[in-house]
Amino acid sequence: MALSDGSNGEEGQLTLVNRLNESRSPYVRGHMNNPVAWQVWSPDALALAKQHNRLLFLSIGYAACHWCHVMERESFSSPEIANLLNTSFIPIKIDREERPDIDAIYMNYVQAITGSGGWPLNVFLTPDLEPVFGGTYWPGPNNSITTVGTAAAEMVGFLDILEKMKAVWTHQEGRCRESAKEITRQLREFAEEGVHNHQMGEKHEEDGLELELLEEAYQHFERKYDRENGGFSKAPKFALPVNLRFLLRLGQGPEVVKHILGEAECTNATAMAVNTLRKMARGGIRDQVGDGFARYSVTNDWSLPHFEKMLYDQAQLLDIYLDAFLISRDQEMLGVVYDIASYLTNSPVAAADGGFYSAEDADSYPTKADAEKREGAFYVWSLKKFLAVLGDRNGDICARFYGVAADGNVTRVNDPHDEFISQNVLSIKSTPSTLAKDLGMAEEEIIKILEDSRKKLREYRERERPRPALDDKIIVAWNGLAVGALARTSAALEEIDAVKARECLTAAEKAVAFIRKELFDEESATLWRIYRGGRGDAPGFCDDYAFLIQGLIDLYEATFNDDYLQFADTLQSKFILFLHSFIATPLWAVH
């Protein structure tokens, strides 16, 4: 299929048309009505850059990304931006979840030159695919940023960047290419150094992990620990379950670990992890009315999230909250396990035929009558609406419990687009016993009011508010994480709640059956990465094999069904060959 609709009569003149209707990705297809003549990543599109000597403008994101939607509205819907991109560049749109390999390469570049990264990821490339300049969100001509002094308000505009890049390529192409080649050379050397170190390490496999590294890692987290709010960084704050798992497991390891670290240090490691999980569970990053967690918090105290819910977060958090419960026997941890398990095993995340969808969007319509989406609209509440749904008495009790205020609880500096005026993000600010004492009521009565009110708020939300858009891709890697977490949860709950255990196990087994049927080639023993209305074109990557193998092992341990172990062994044999091929291939090789 042609990538352009021909010329306008002048030799060499290129007229691009938007090709994104050819993609299955919800994120990519969300841009198919833009005036920007987006191309899909393909050999033909890359060839156009060489043929017409244009810079490629590569824009990478994902469907649930809030700032991706902001940039789409502000810039990619602008005729002025579209004219510049269409006449001076080859614009290409990529879903990072379909092509994590391409995303990783250019994210490494942006992080190297700016010190940070994120999405949308926007990079200008030479026709040889070498990066010239890049960044994340840039304000567009239609931006609605109202808060002076915010980082977004002080950024250089996207239109200015496009005009500058056009001028640089037109008048200083040689210098541009030399600079891009030098940056690429440095990144290649850095990548190859890692591969070289890996290969050298193979000679010393018998040495194993140096236990002193555990002490260094513990000290790192102890230094970074936020004693007031939990977590190990300032805002933005991510859950990072793998770090929490490391800390939890320090105290559960062999005696030699306790001997090196010290008994008190191992106990403190567990305490830091459990306290962080508790702070998150009580924060706005958790959906206090429904279930599940948002991707990250923009505040130190976990109170204000960007509201997208990602499958990989739910799966890893289910795993770590289960670990925390098994170690501490804390009922609050168990309550979170139930909530995340319910989120994963029900609509909209659980696919009817098996498997789990990728994400729910951050933005949605505030009401069914609204025509403009807002961030967090499905989740936030005004005090007036709170009282209307719950009644004055119960509404007041719940407002105290969840920190709901008449003027809202989102500060102006965290609301650059004025989307949260008088709105509240629910987080737990009190306890039933404290409320009972303050109000002169029985604690049991307070608990019942809170439980009944949560149910009413959820029913109102489901009935009256449009749900955020669903990214209904099924990704093998993320499904592998969910399979493993649900299998472990099933085994842990078997003697506590047989019904819930069965729900978790059934969902995990259905997901594996779906992947084996739709995304596994029996003849070649290879995986495909994506399913959405049919198998996608992307092959399975390292994480698809690794996470599914681990999920199958967890499922075998929950069921002792040999089929799961045999499937894992088949994938592992292929994965070993895959890794050898990966190590022998330069990281910068893009196809």
Protein backbone atom coordinates (compact mmCIF):
# COMPACT_ATOMS: atom_id res chain seq x y z
CA MET A 1 0.00 0.00 0.00
CA ALA A 2 1.37 3.44 -0.93
CA LEU A 3 2.48 5.70 1.87
CA SER A 4 1.63 8.88 0.00
CA ASP A 5 -1.13 9.92 -2.33
CA GLY A 6 1.30 10.97 -4.98
CA SER A 7 2.86 14.28 -5.89
CA ASN A 8 1.31 17.66 -6.61
CA GLY A 9 3.06 17.82 -9.95
CA GLU A 10 6.46 18.97 -8.72
CA GLU A 11 9.27 16.43 -8.92
CA GLY A 12 10.24 15.10 -5.52
CA GLN A 13 7.27 16.69 -3.74
CA LEU A 14 5.83 14.31 -1.13
CA THR A 15 2.25 14.42 0.08
CA LEU A 16 1.72 12.16 3.05
CA VAL A 17 -1.57 10.73 4.23
CA ASN A 18 -2.42 9.42 7.69
CA ARG A 19 -1.94 5.61 7.71
CA LEU A 20 -2.85 4.81 11.31
CA ASN A 21 -6.06 3.01 10.41
CA GLU A 22 -3.73 0.14 9.44
CA SER A 23 -2.77 -0.40 13.09
CA ARG A 24 -4.61 -2.51 15.70
CA SER A 25 -3.25 -0.49 18.63
CA PRO A 26 -5.90 1.63 20.43
CA TYR A 27 -3.24 4.24 21.15
CA VAL A 28 -2.06 4.49 17.55
CA ARG A 29 -5.60 4.39 16.15
CA GLY A 30 -6.52 7.22 18.53
CA HIS A 31 -4.43 9.49 16.27
CA MET A 32 -5.81 8.36 12.92
CA ASN A 33 -8.10 11.40 12.61
CA ASN A 34 -5.36 13.91 13.40
CA PRO A 35 -4.44 16.36 10.65
CA VAL A 36 -0.88 15.06 11.15
CA ALA A 37 -0.16 12.52 8.39
CA TRP A 38 1.14 9.88 10.77
CA GLN A 39 2.92 6.82 9.39
CA VAL A 40 3.25 3.43 11.05
CA TRP A 41 6.74 2.11 11.79
CA SER A 42 7.61 0.11 8.69
CA PRO A 43 10.43 -0.30 6.14
CA ASP A 44 8.43 1.78 3.66
CA ALA A 45 8.01 4.68 6.07
CA LEU A 46 11.70 4.63 6.98
CA ALA A 47 12.61 4.53 3.30
CA LEU A 48 10.65 7.75 2.72
CA ALA A 49 12.99 9.62 5.08
CA LYS A 50 16.01 8.55 3.03
CA GLN A 51 14.32 9.10 -0.31
CA HIS A 52 13.26 12.66 0.56
CA ASN A 53 16.09 13.41 3.02
CA ARG A 54 13.78 14.35 5.87
CA LEU A 55 14.14 14.05 9.60
CA LEU A 56 11.85 11.47 11.15
CA PHE A 57 9.68 12.68 14.01
CA LEU A 58 9.09 9.63 16.19
CA SER A 59 6.33 9.95 18.81
CA ILE A 60 5.90 7.05 21.26
CA GLY A 61 3.22 6.62 23.91
CA TYR A 62 0.49 4.36 25.21
CA ALA A 63 -3.30 4.49 25.40
CA ALA A 64 -3.67 5.18 29.14
CA CYS A 65 -1.06 7.96 29.23
CA HIS A 66 -2.54 11.29 30.40
CA TRP A 67 0.15 13.56 28.94
CA CYS A 68 -0.03 11.66 25.64
CA HIS A 69 -3.68 12.72 25.39
CA VAL A 70 -2.80 16.27 26.39
CA MET A 71 -0.22 16.54 23.61
CA GLU A 72 -2.65 14.98 21.12
CA ARG A 73 -5.22 17.69 21.90
CA GLU A 74 -2.78 20.59 22.07
CA SER A 75 -0.42 19.76 19.21
CA PHE A 76 -1.38 16.86 17.00
CA SER A 77 -4.87 18.29 16.42
CA SER A 78 -3.40 21.67 15.42
CA PRO A 79 -3.41 22.48 11.67
CA GLU A 80 -0.32 24.65 12.15
CA ILE A 81 1.64 21.80 13.78
CA ALA A 82 0.32 19.33 11.21
CA ASN A 83 1.45 21.47 8.30
CA LEU A 84 5.01 21.64 9.64
CA LEU A 85 5.20 17.91 10.40
CA ASN A 86 3.64 16.86 7.09
CA THR A 87 5.77 19.07 4.85
CA SER A 88 9.16 18.95 6.61
CA PHE A 89 9.33 15.63 8.51
CA ILE A 90 8.23 12.00 8.35
CA PRO A 91 5.97 11.69 11.42
CA ILE A 92 5.68 8.17 12.88
CA LYS A 93 3.49 7.06 15.77
CA ILE A 94 4.36 4.00 17.90
CA ASP A 95 2.66 2.21 20.78
CA ARG A 96 5.43 1.54 23.31
CA GLU A 97 3.60 -1.55 24.54
CA GLU A 98 3.77 -3.10 21.07
CA ARG A 99 7.40 -2.16 20.42
CA PRO A 100 9.22 -1.94 23.76
CA ASP A 101 12.50 -2.49 21.90
CA ILE A 102 12.24 0.76 19.91
CA ASP A 103 10.95 2.60 22.95
CA ALA A 104 13.89 1.42 25.08
CA ILE A 105 16.49 2.56 22.55
CA TYR A 106 15.21 6.10 22.22
CA MET A 107 14.24 6.40 25.88
CA ASN A 108 17.87 5.64 26.73
CA TYR A 109 18.87 8.51 24.45
CA VAL A 110 16.43 11.02 25.96
CA GLN A 111 17.38 10.02 29.51
CA ALA A 112 21.07 10.38 28.62
CA ILE A 113 20.71 13.93 27.24
CA THR A 114 18.03 15.30 29.61
CA GLY A 115 18.47 13.29 32.81
CA SER A 116 14.85 12.15 32.79
CA GLY A 117 12.30 10.41 30.63
CA GLY A 118 8.65 9.55 30.30
CA TRP A 119 5.79 9.56 27.84
CA PRO A 120 4.95 10.84 25.35
CA LEU A 121 8.47 10.20 24.11
CA ASN A 122 9.28 12.44 21.14
CA VAL A 123 12.54 12.09 19.19
CA PHE A 124 13.86 13.57 15.95
CA LEU A 125 15.94 11.06 13.94
CA THR A 126 18.15 11.28 10.88
CA PRO A 127 17.16 9.07 7.95
CA ASP A 128 19.73 6.60 9.36
CA LEU A 129 17.63 6.41 12.59
CA GLU A 130 20.23 8.23 14.67
CA PRO A 131 18.76 10.62 17.25
CA VAL A 132 19.28 14.35 16.87
CA PHE A 133 17.06 15.76 19.61
CA GLY A 134 14.32 14.52 21.90
CA GLY A 135 12.17 15.05 24.97
CA THR A 136 8.78 14.20 26.42
CA TYR A 137 5.79 16.55 26.63
CA TRP A 138 6.09 19.95 24.96
CA PRO A 139 3.18 22.46 25.19
CA GLY A 140 1.30 23.00 21.95
CA PRO A 141 -0.48 26.02 20.43
CA ASN A 142 -3.77 24.90 22.00
CA ASN A 143 -2.38 24.41 25.53
CA SER A 144 -4.64 25.23 28.47
CA ILE A 145 -1.95 25.54 31.15
CA THR A 146 -3.12 28.20 33.61
CA THR A 147 -0.76 27.81 36.55
CA VAL A 148 2.21 30.18 36.24
CA GLY A 149 5.42 28.78 37.66
CA THR A 150 4.71 25.13 36.92
CA ALA A 151 7.27 23.15 34.95
CA ALA A 152 4.83 22.73 32.05
CA ALA A 153 4.15 26.48 31.88
CA GLU A 154 7.86 27.26 31.52
CA MET A 155 8.64 24.75 28.75
CA VAL A 156 9.63 25.71 25.20
CA GLY A 157 6.63 25.22 22.92
CA PHE A 158 6.42 22.35 20.43
CA LEU A 159 5.88 24.74 17.51
CA ASP A 160 9.15 26.55 18.29
CA ILE A 161 10.97 23.21 18.51
CA LEU A 162 9.63 22.09 15.12
CA GLU A 163 10.66 25.34 13.45
CA LYS A 164 14.11 25.15 15.01
CA MET A 165 14.61 21.51 13.95
CA LYS A 166 13.49 22.34 10.40
CA ALA A 167 15.99 25.21 10.21
CA VAL A 168 18.84 23.18 11.70
CA TRP A 169 18.30 20.31 9.23
CA THR A 170 17.98 22.71 6.28
CA HIS A 171 21.05 24.82 7.03
CA GLN A 172 23.29 22.57 9.19
CA GLU A 173 22.54 19.04 8.02
CA GLY A 174 26.18 17.95 8.04
CA ARG A 175 26.74 19.12 11.58
CA CYS A 176 23.45 17.52 12.59
CA ARG A 177 24.47 14.14 11.17
CA GLU A 178 27.93 14.28 12.79
CA SER A 179 26.43 15.06 16.18
CA ALA A 180 23.88 12.25 15.84
CA LYS A 181 26.58 9.76 14.84
CA GLU A 182 28.74 10.72 17.84
CA ILE A 183 25.82 10.34 20.27
CA THR A 184 24.92 7.01 18.72
CA ARG A 185 28.54 5.84 18.98
CA GLN A 186 28.61 6.69 22.70
CA LEU A 187 25.32 4.90 23.34
CA ARG A 188 26.54 1.86 21.40
CA GLU A 189 29.70 1.72 23.50
CA PHE A 190 27.67 1.98 26.69
CA ALA A 191 25.35 -0.83 25.56
CA GLU A 192 28.20 -3.03 24.39
CA GLU A 193 30.02 -2.50 27.69
CA GLY A 194 27.03 -4.04 29.44
CA VAL A 195 27.02 -7.02 27.08
CA HIS A 196 30.80 -7.41 27.49
CA ASN A 197 30.46 -7.41 31.27
CA HIS A 198 27.72 -10.02 31.01
CA GLN A 199 29.89 -12.26 28.86
CA MET A 200 32.88 -11.84 31.18
CA GLY A 201 30.64 -12.66 34.11
CA GLU A 202 29.83 -16.05 32.59
CA LYS A 203 33.37 -17.15 33.43
CA HIS A 204 32.74 -16.57 37.12
CA GLU A 205 29.28 -18.07 37.44
CA GLU A 206 30.41 -20.32 40.26
CA ASP A 207 31.13 -17.28 42.44
CA GLY A 208 27.42 -16.39 42.61
CA LEU A 209 26.11 -13.18 44.10
CA GLU A 210 28.42 -11.32 46.45
CA LEU A 211 26.49 -11.09 49.70
CA GLU A 212 28.09 -7.74 50.47
CA LEU A 213 26.01 -6.31 47.64
CA LEU A 214 22.91 -7.02 49.73
CA GLU A 215 24.26 -4.76 52.45
CA GLU A 216 25.01 -2.00 49.94
CA ALA A 217 21.51 -2.28 48.50
CA TYR A 218 19.91 -2.21 51.96
CA GLN A 219 21.91 0.89 52.91
CA HIS A 220 20.83 2.59 49.68
CA PHE A 221 17.14 2.09 50.48
CA GLU A 222 17.61 3.00 54.13
CA ARG A 223 19.20 6.33 53.10
CA LYS A 224 16.45 7.09 50.57
CA TYR A 225 13.53 6.05 52.78
CA ASP A 226 10.76 8.62 53.34
CA ARG A 227 9.96 8.01 56.98
CA GLU A 228 6.87 10.20 56.94
CA ASN A 229 5.15 8.98 53.77
CA GLY A 230 6.86 5.73 52.85
CA GLY A 231 8.58 5.17 49.55
CA PHE A 232 12.13 5.95 48.49
CA SER A 233 11.98 9.13 46.45
CA LYS A 234 10.37 12.52 46.20
CA ALA A 235 7.46 13.11 43.83
CA PRO A 236 6.69 11.77 41.33
CA LYS A 237 6.43 8.57 43.34
CA PHE A 238 6.13 5.12 41.79
CA ALA A 239 5.26 1.93 43.67
CA LEU A 240 8.27 -0.04 42.30
CA PRO A 241 7.15 -3.43 43.70
CA VAL A 242 10.45 -5.14 42.85
CA ASN A 243 12.25 -2.91 45.35
CA LEU A 244 9.67 -3.65 48.02
CA ARG A 245 9.96 -7.37 47.33
CA PHE A 246 13.71 -7.18 47.82
CA LEU A 247 13.27 -5.53 51.21
CA LEU A 248 10.58 -7.98 52.33
CA ARG A 249 12.72 -10.96 51.39
CA LEU A 250 15.84 -9.81 53.20
CA GLY A 251 14.34 -10.96 56.46
CA GLN A 252 13.14 -14.22 54.97
CA GLY A 253 16.45 -15.34 53.52
CA PRO A 254 19.05 -17.77 54.90
CA GLU A 255 20.81 -17.06 58.19
CA VAL A 256 23.95 -15.92 56.39
CA VAL A 257 22.00 -12.90 55.09
CA LYS A 258 20.89 -11.95 58.60
CA HIS A 259 24.44 -12.45 59.79
CA ILE A 260 25.84 -10.03 57.20
CA LEU A 261 23.10 -7.41 57.47
CA GLY A 262 22.16 -7.82 61.11
CA GLU A 263 18.88 -8.90 62.66
CA ALA A 264 17.76 -5.32 63.29
CA GLU A 265 18.48 -4.31 59.70
CA CYS A 266 16.45 -7.21 58.29
CA THR A 267 13.57 -6.29 60.58
CA ASN A 268 13.84 -2.66 59.48
CA ALA A 269 13.83 -3.69 55.81
CA THR A 270 10.50 -5.46 56.33
CA ALA A 271 9.13 -2.48 58.27
CA MET A 272 10.07 -0.01 55.51
CA ALA A 273 8.36 -2.14 52.87
CA VAL A 274 5.18 -2.78 54.89
CA ASN A 275 4.88 0.87 55.91
CA THR A 276 5.26 1.98 52.28
CA LEU A 277 2.55 -0.49 51.23
CA ARG A 278 0.29 0.77 54.03
CA LYS A 279 0.78 4.43 53.02
CA MET A 280 0.00 3.56 49.40
CA ALA A 281 -3.09 1.58 50.39
CA ARG A 282 -4.44 4.58 52.28
CA GLY A 283 -3.47 7.11 49.62
CA GLY A 284 -5.16 8.52 46.56
CA ILE A 285 -2.99 6.32 44.36
CA ARG A 286 -5.39 3.53 45.35
CA ASP A 287 -8.94 3.63 44.04
CA GLN A 288 -10.70 3.87 47.40
CA VAL A 289 -14.18 3.36 45.91
CA GLY A 290 -13.43 0.68 43.35
CA ASP A 291 -10.34 -1.48 43.14
CA GLY A 292 -6.82 -1.25 41.80
CA PHE A 293 -4.00 1.29 41.85
CA ALA A 294 -3.03 4.18 39.60
CA ARG A 295 0.39 4.15 37.97
CA TYR A 296 2.07 6.76 40.17
CA SER A 297 1.56 9.72 42.49
CA VAL A 298 2.52 13.32 41.70
CA THR A 299 2.72 14.11 45.43
CA ASN A 300 5.06 12.86 48.17
CA ASP A 301 2.19 11.52 50.29
CA TRP A 302 0.61 9.36 47.55
CA SER A 303 -2.50 11.60 47.64
CA LEU A 304 -2.77 12.68 44.00
CA PRO A 305 -2.16 10.15 41.22
CA HIS A 306 -2.09 10.28 37.48
CA PHE A 307 -5.11 8.06 37.22
CA GLU A 308 -4.19 5.49 34.56
CA LYS A 309 -4.40 1.90 35.79
CA MET A 310 -1.90 -0.48 34.25
CA LEU A 311 -2.17 -4.28 34.27
CA TYR A 312 1.51 -4.73 35.11
CA ASP A 313 1.11 -2.57 38.23
CA GLN A 314 -1.92 -4.50 39.46
CA ALA A 315 -0.17 -7.85 38.94
CA GLN A 316 3.05 -6.85 40.71
CA LEU A 317 1.21 -5.11 43.54
CA LEU A 318 -1.01 -8.14 44.09
CA ASP A 319 2.16 -10.21 44.42
CA ILE A 320 3.84 -7.84 46.88
CA TYR A 321 0.75 -7.22 49.05
CA LEU A 322 0.34 -11.00 49.25
CA ASP A 323 3.97 -11.30 50.38
CA ALA A 324 3.40 -8.56 52.96
CA PHE A 325 0.34 -10.36 54.32
CA LEU A 326 2.07 -13.73 54.48
CA ILE A 327 5.00 -12.20 56.39
CA SER A 328 3.09 -9.81 58.68
CA ARG A 329 -0.41 -11.38 58.84
CA ASP A 330 -1.65 -7.79 58.71
CA GLN A 331 -5.36 -7.80 57.80
CA GLU A 332 -5.02 -4.46 56.01
CA MET A 333 -2.60 -6.11 53.59
CA LEU A 334 -5.08 -8.96 53.06
CA GLY A 335 -7.84 -6.47 52.29
CA VAL A 336 -5.73 -4.98 49.51
CA VAL A 337 -5.05 -8.48 48.15
CA TYR A 338 -8.80 -9.06 47.87
CA ASP A 339 -9.35 -5.72 46.14
CA ILE A 340 -6.63 -6.17 43.51
CA ALA A 341 -7.66 -9.77 42.87
CA SER A 342 -11.25 -8.60 42.34
CA TYR A 343 -10.05 -5.93 39.91
CA LEU A 344 -8.11 -8.49 37.86
CA THR A 345 -10.82 -11.16 37.76
CA ASN A 346 -13.76 -8.96 36.75
CA SER A 347 -14.82 -6.66 33.93
CA PRO A 348 -13.43 -4.55 32.40
CA VAL A 349 -9.91 -5.97 32.89
CA ALA A 350 -10.69 -9.70 32.60
CA ALA A 351 -11.36 -10.65 28.97
CA ALA A 352 -14.38 -12.91 28.45
CA ASP A 353 -12.39 -15.53 26.51
CA GLY A 354 -9.42 -15.48 28.86
CA GLY A 355 -6.52 -13.13 29.45
CA PHE A 356 -6.32 -9.62 30.84
CA TYR A 357 -6.55 -6.28 29.07
CA SER A 358 -3.71 -3.78 29.34
CA ALA A 359 -4.94 -0.59 30.96
CA GLU A 360 -7.65 1.90 31.79
CA ASP A 361 -7.22 5.51 30.76
CA ALA A 362 -6.52 8.41 33.12
CA ASP A 363 -9.02 10.70 31.38
CA SER A 364 -12.78 10.32 30.99
CA TYR A 365 -15.98 12.34 30.61
CA PRO A 366 -17.24 13.80 33.93
CA THR A 367 -20.84 12.98 32.99
CA LYS A 368 -22.63 11.32 30.12
CA ALA A 369 -23.58 14.76 28.79
CA ASP A 370 -20.01 16.12 28.68
CA ALA A 371 -18.08 16.37 25.43
CA GLU A 372 -14.61 17.02 26.90
CA LYS A 373 -12.61 14.52 28.90
CA ARG A 374 -10.86 15.43 32.13
CA GLU A 375 -8.13 13.69 34.06
CA GLY A 376 -9.47 11.62 36.95
CA ALA A 377 -13.10 12.56 36.24
CA PHE A 378 -14.28 9.02 36.99
CA TYR A 379 -12.64 9.05 40.42
CA VAL A 380 -12.92 12.54 41.97
CA TRP A 381 -15.76 13.98 44.08
CA SER A 382 -16.98 17.40 45.12
CA LEU A 383 -18.27 17.69 48.68
CA LYS A 384 -21.67 18.67 47.26
CA LYS A 385 -21.91 15.47 45.20
CA PHE A 386 -20.58 13.43 48.12
CA LEU A 387 -23.39 14.66 50.38
CA ALA A 388 -26.01 14.28 47.64
CA VAL A 389 -25.14 10.61 47.16
CA LEU A 390 -24.66 9.68 50.82
CA GLY A 391 -26.89 12.12 52.71
CA ASP A 392 -25.72 14.76 55.15
CA ARG A 393 -25.01 12.52 58.16
CA ASN A 394 -23.20 9.65 56.43
CA GLY A 395 -21.64 12.04 53.93
CA ASP A 396 -20.07 14.07 56.74
CA ILE A 397 -18.66 10.92 58.36
CA CYS A 398 -17.19 9.72 55.06
CA ALA A 399 -15.85 13.21 54.23
CA ARG A 400 -13.88 13.13 57.48
CA PHE A 401 -12.65 9.61 56.73
CA TYR A 402 -11.60 10.33 53.12
CA GLY A 403 -10.40 13.93 53.53
CA VAL A 404 -13.12 15.53 51.40
CA ALA A 405 -13.18 19.35 51.64
CA ALA A 406 -15.58 22.01 50.35
CA ASP A 407 -12.83 23.68 48.29
CA GLY A 408 -11.34 20.39 47.12
CA ASN A 409 -8.08 18.80 48.22
CA VAL A 410 -5.90 19.26 45.11
CA THR A 411 -3.50 22.20 45.32
CA ARG A 412 -3.37 24.70 42.48
CA VAL A 413 0.24 23.88 41.63
CA ASN A 414 -0.83 20.29 40.91
CA ASP A 415 -3.73 21.38 38.70
CA PRO A 416 -2.18 23.17 35.69
CA HIS A 417 -5.30 22.67 33.54
CA ASP A 418 -7.88 23.61 36.24
CA GLU A 419 -9.42 20.13 36.10
CA PHE A 420 -9.67 19.61 39.87
CA ILE A 421 -11.30 22.85 41.07
CA SER A 422 -13.48 21.95 44.12
CA GLN A 423 -12.77 18.26 43.46
CA ASN A 424 -11.40 15.72 45.93
CA VAL A 425 -9.26 12.63 45.46
CA LEU A 426 -10.23 10.14 48.13
CA SER A 427 -7.56 8.95 50.54
CA ILE A 428 -7.89 7.58 54.06
CA LYS A 429 -7.29 10.36 56.60
CA SER A 430 -8.77 8.85 59.76
CA THR A 431 -9.75 5.55 61.38
CA PRO A 432 -13.12 4.15 62.48
CA SER A 433 -12.00 4.22 66.12
CA THR A 434 -10.96 7.89 65.91
CA LEU A 435 -14.22 8.86 64.21
CA ALA A 436 -16.23 6.91 66.77
CA LYS A 437 -14.50 8.74 69.61
CA ASP A 438 -14.85 12.17 67.97
CA LEU A 439 -18.53 11.69 67.10
CA GLY A 440 -19.61 9.76 70.17
CA MET A 441 -20.69 6.71 68.16
CA ALA A 442 -19.97 3.00 68.35
CA GLU A 443 -17.01 1.91 66.24
CA GLU A 444 -19.10 -0.90 64.72
CA GLU A 445 -21.65 1.66 63.52
CA ILE A 446 -18.93 3.77 61.91
CA ILE A 447 -17.53 0.70 60.11
CA LYS A 448 -20.98 -0.20 58.77
CA ILE A 449 -21.58 3.36 57.55
CA LEU A 450 -18.21 3.37 55.77
CA GLU A 451 -18.86 -0.01 54.12
CA ASP A 452 -22.39 0.91 53.00
CA SER A 453 -21.25 4.33 51.76
CA ARG A 454 -18.38 2.87 49.72
CA LYS A 455 -20.90 0.59 48.03
CA LYS A 456 -23.23 3.55 47.29
CA LEU A 457 -20.41 5.65 45.86
CA ARG A 458 -19.32 2.79 43.64
CA GLU A 459 -22.85 2.13 42.40
CA TYR A 460 -23.37 5.83 41.64
CA ARG A 461 -20.05 6.04 39.82
CA GLU A 462 -20.75 2.97 37.69
CA ARG A 463 -24.28 4.16 36.90
CA GLU A 464 -23.75 7.87 36.22
CA ARG A 465 -20.19 8.31 35.00
CA PRO A 466 -18.68 7.08 31.73
CA ARG A 467 -15.85 4.68 32.53
CA PRO A 468 -12.36 5.57 31.26
CA ALA A 469 -11.42 4.07 27.91
CA LEU A 470 -10.04 0.55 28.00
CA ASP A 471 -6.86 -0.45 26.18
CA ASP A 472 -8.04 -3.90 25.19
CA LYS A 473 -4.72 -5.28 24.00
CA ILE A 474 -3.68 -8.58 25.57
CA ILE A 475 0.09 -8.49 26.16
CA VAL A 476 1.82 -11.77 26.95
CA ALA A 477 4.38 -10.35 29.39
CA TRP A 478 1.83 -8.54 31.53
CA ASN A 479 -0.52 -11.51 31.42
CA GLY A 480 2.34 -13.68 32.66
CA LEU A 481 2.72 -11.38 35.66
CA ALA A 482 -1.01 -11.57 36.36
CA VAL A 483 -1.08 -15.36 35.98
CA GLY A 484 1.70 -15.78 38.54
CA ALA A 485 0.19 -13.33 41.05
CA LEU A 486 -3.28 -14.89 40.82
CA ALA A 487 -1.90 -18.42 41.08
CA ARG A 488 0.03 -17.52 44.25
CA THR A 489 -3.03 -15.72 45.65
CA SER A 490 -5.18 -18.77 44.97
CA ALA A 491 -2.80 -21.04 46.85
CA ALA A 492 -2.57 -18.64 49.80
CA LEU A 493 -6.34 -18.16 50.09
CA GLU A 494 -7.32 -21.81 49.67
CA GLU A 495 -7.84 -22.38 53.38
CA ILE A 496 -9.09 -18.85 54.10
CA ASP A 497 -11.63 -18.37 51.29
CA ALA A 498 -12.07 -21.29 48.90
CA VAL A 499 -14.45 -19.35 46.64
CA LYS A 500 -12.05 -16.44 46.13
CA ALA A 501 -9.18 -18.88 45.64
CA ARG A 502 -11.12 -20.64 42.88
CA GLU A 503 -11.90 -17.30 41.15
CA CYS A 504 -8.22 -16.42 41.08
CA LEU A 505 -7.14 -19.84 39.81
CA THR A 506 -9.81 -19.96 37.10
CA ALA A 507 -8.79 -16.55 35.76
CA ALA A 508 -5.11 -17.57 35.68
CA GLU A 509 -5.82 -20.85 33.90
CA LYS A 510 -8.10 -19.18 31.33
CA ALA A 511 -5.37 -16.67 30.54
CA VAL A 512 -2.81 -19.41 29.90
CA ALA A 513 -5.25 -21.34 27.72
CA PHE A 514 -5.93 -18.20 25.68
CA ILE A 515 -2.24 -17.39 25.20
CA ARG A 516 -1.45 -20.96 24.18
CA LYS A 517 -4.26 -20.94 21.64
CA GLU A 518 -3.84 -17.46 20.16
CA LEU A 519 -0.27 -16.31 20.78
CA PHE A 520 1.87 -19.45 20.79
CA ASP A 521 3.13 -21.22 17.66
CA GLU A 522 3.33 -24.91 18.56
CA GLU A 523 5.47 -25.78 15.56
CA SER A 524 8.23 -23.22 16.20
CA ALA A 525 7.63 -23.00 20.00
CA THR A 526 7.62 -19.20 19.77
CA LEU A 527 5.42 -16.52 21.31
CA TRP A 528 3.77 -13.52 19.75
CA ARG A 529 3.46 -10.45 21.96
CA ILE A 530 0.06 -8.84 21.30
CA TYR A 531 -3.54 -9.85 20.70
CA ARG A 532 -6.31 -7.43 19.80
CA GLY A 533 -9.01 -8.75 17.51
CA GLY A 534 -6.36 -11.12 16.20
CA ARG A 535 -2.66 -11.72 16.66
CA GLY A 536 -0.42 -8.70 16.25
CA ASP A 537 2.76 -8.51 14.18
CA ALA A 538 5.23 -8.05 17.05
CA PRO A 539 7.11 -11.20 18.09
CA GLY A 540 7.54 -12.15 21.72
CA PHE A 541 10.30 -10.23 23.50
CA CYS A 542 12.45 -11.24 26.47
CA ASP A 543 9.87 -10.09 29.02
CA ASP A 544 7.10 -12.05 27.30
CA TYR A 545 9.05 -15.29 27.70
CA ALA A 546 10.43 -14.56 31.17
CA PHE A 547 7.20 -13.41 32.81
CA LEU A 548 5.05 -16.10 31.24
CA ILE A 549 7.55 -18.81 32.26
CA GLN A 550 7.49 -17.55 35.84
CA GLY A 551 3.70 -17.38 35.78
CA LEU A 552 3.50 -20.98 34.55
CA ILE A 553 5.83 -22.13 37.33
CA ASP A 554 3.64 -20.35 39.90
CA LEU A 555 0.56 -21.96 38.33
CA TYR A 556 2.18 -25.40 38.47
CA GLU A 557 3.00 -24.89 42.15
CA ALA A 558 -0.65 -23.97 42.80
CA THR A 559 -2.11 -26.93 40.88
CA PHE A 560 0.65 -29.53 40.37
CA ASN A 561 -0.61 -29.82 36.80
CA ASP A 562 2.37 -31.06 34.77
CA ASP A 563 1.07 -29.41 31.60
CA TYR A 564 2.02 -25.98 32.96
CA LEU A 565 5.53 -27.12 33.84
CA GLN A 566 6.01 -28.70 30.43
CA PHE A 567 4.80 -25.53 28.70
CA ALA A 568 7.25 -23.51 30.83
CA ASP A 569 10.07 -25.88 29.90
CA THR A 570 9.28 -25.57 26.19
CA LEU A 571 9.35 -21.78 26.44
CA GLN A 572 12.54 -21.83 28.51
CA SER A 573 14.36 -23.87 25.86
CA LYS A 574 13.34 -21.31 23.24
CA PHE A 575 14.14 -18.44 25.57
CA ILE A 576 17.74 -19.62 26.03
CA LEU A 577 18.27 -19.55 22.27
CA PHE A 578 16.56 -16.17 22.15
CA LEU A 579 18.93 -14.75 24.78
CA HIS A 580 22.04 -15.99 22.99
CA SER A 581 20.78 -14.32 19.81
CA PHE A 582 20.02 -11.11 21.73
CA ILE A 583 23.49 -10.94 23.28
CA ALA A 584 25.08 -11.42 19.85
CA THR A 585 22.99 -8.59 18.32
CA PRO A 586 23.94 -4.92 18.88
CA LEU A 587 21.39 -3.18 21.08
CA TRP A 588 21.14 -0.32 18.60
CA ALA A 589 19.95 -2.57 15.78
CA VAL A 590 16.39 -1.46 14.98
CA HIS A 591 14.06 -3.29 12.60
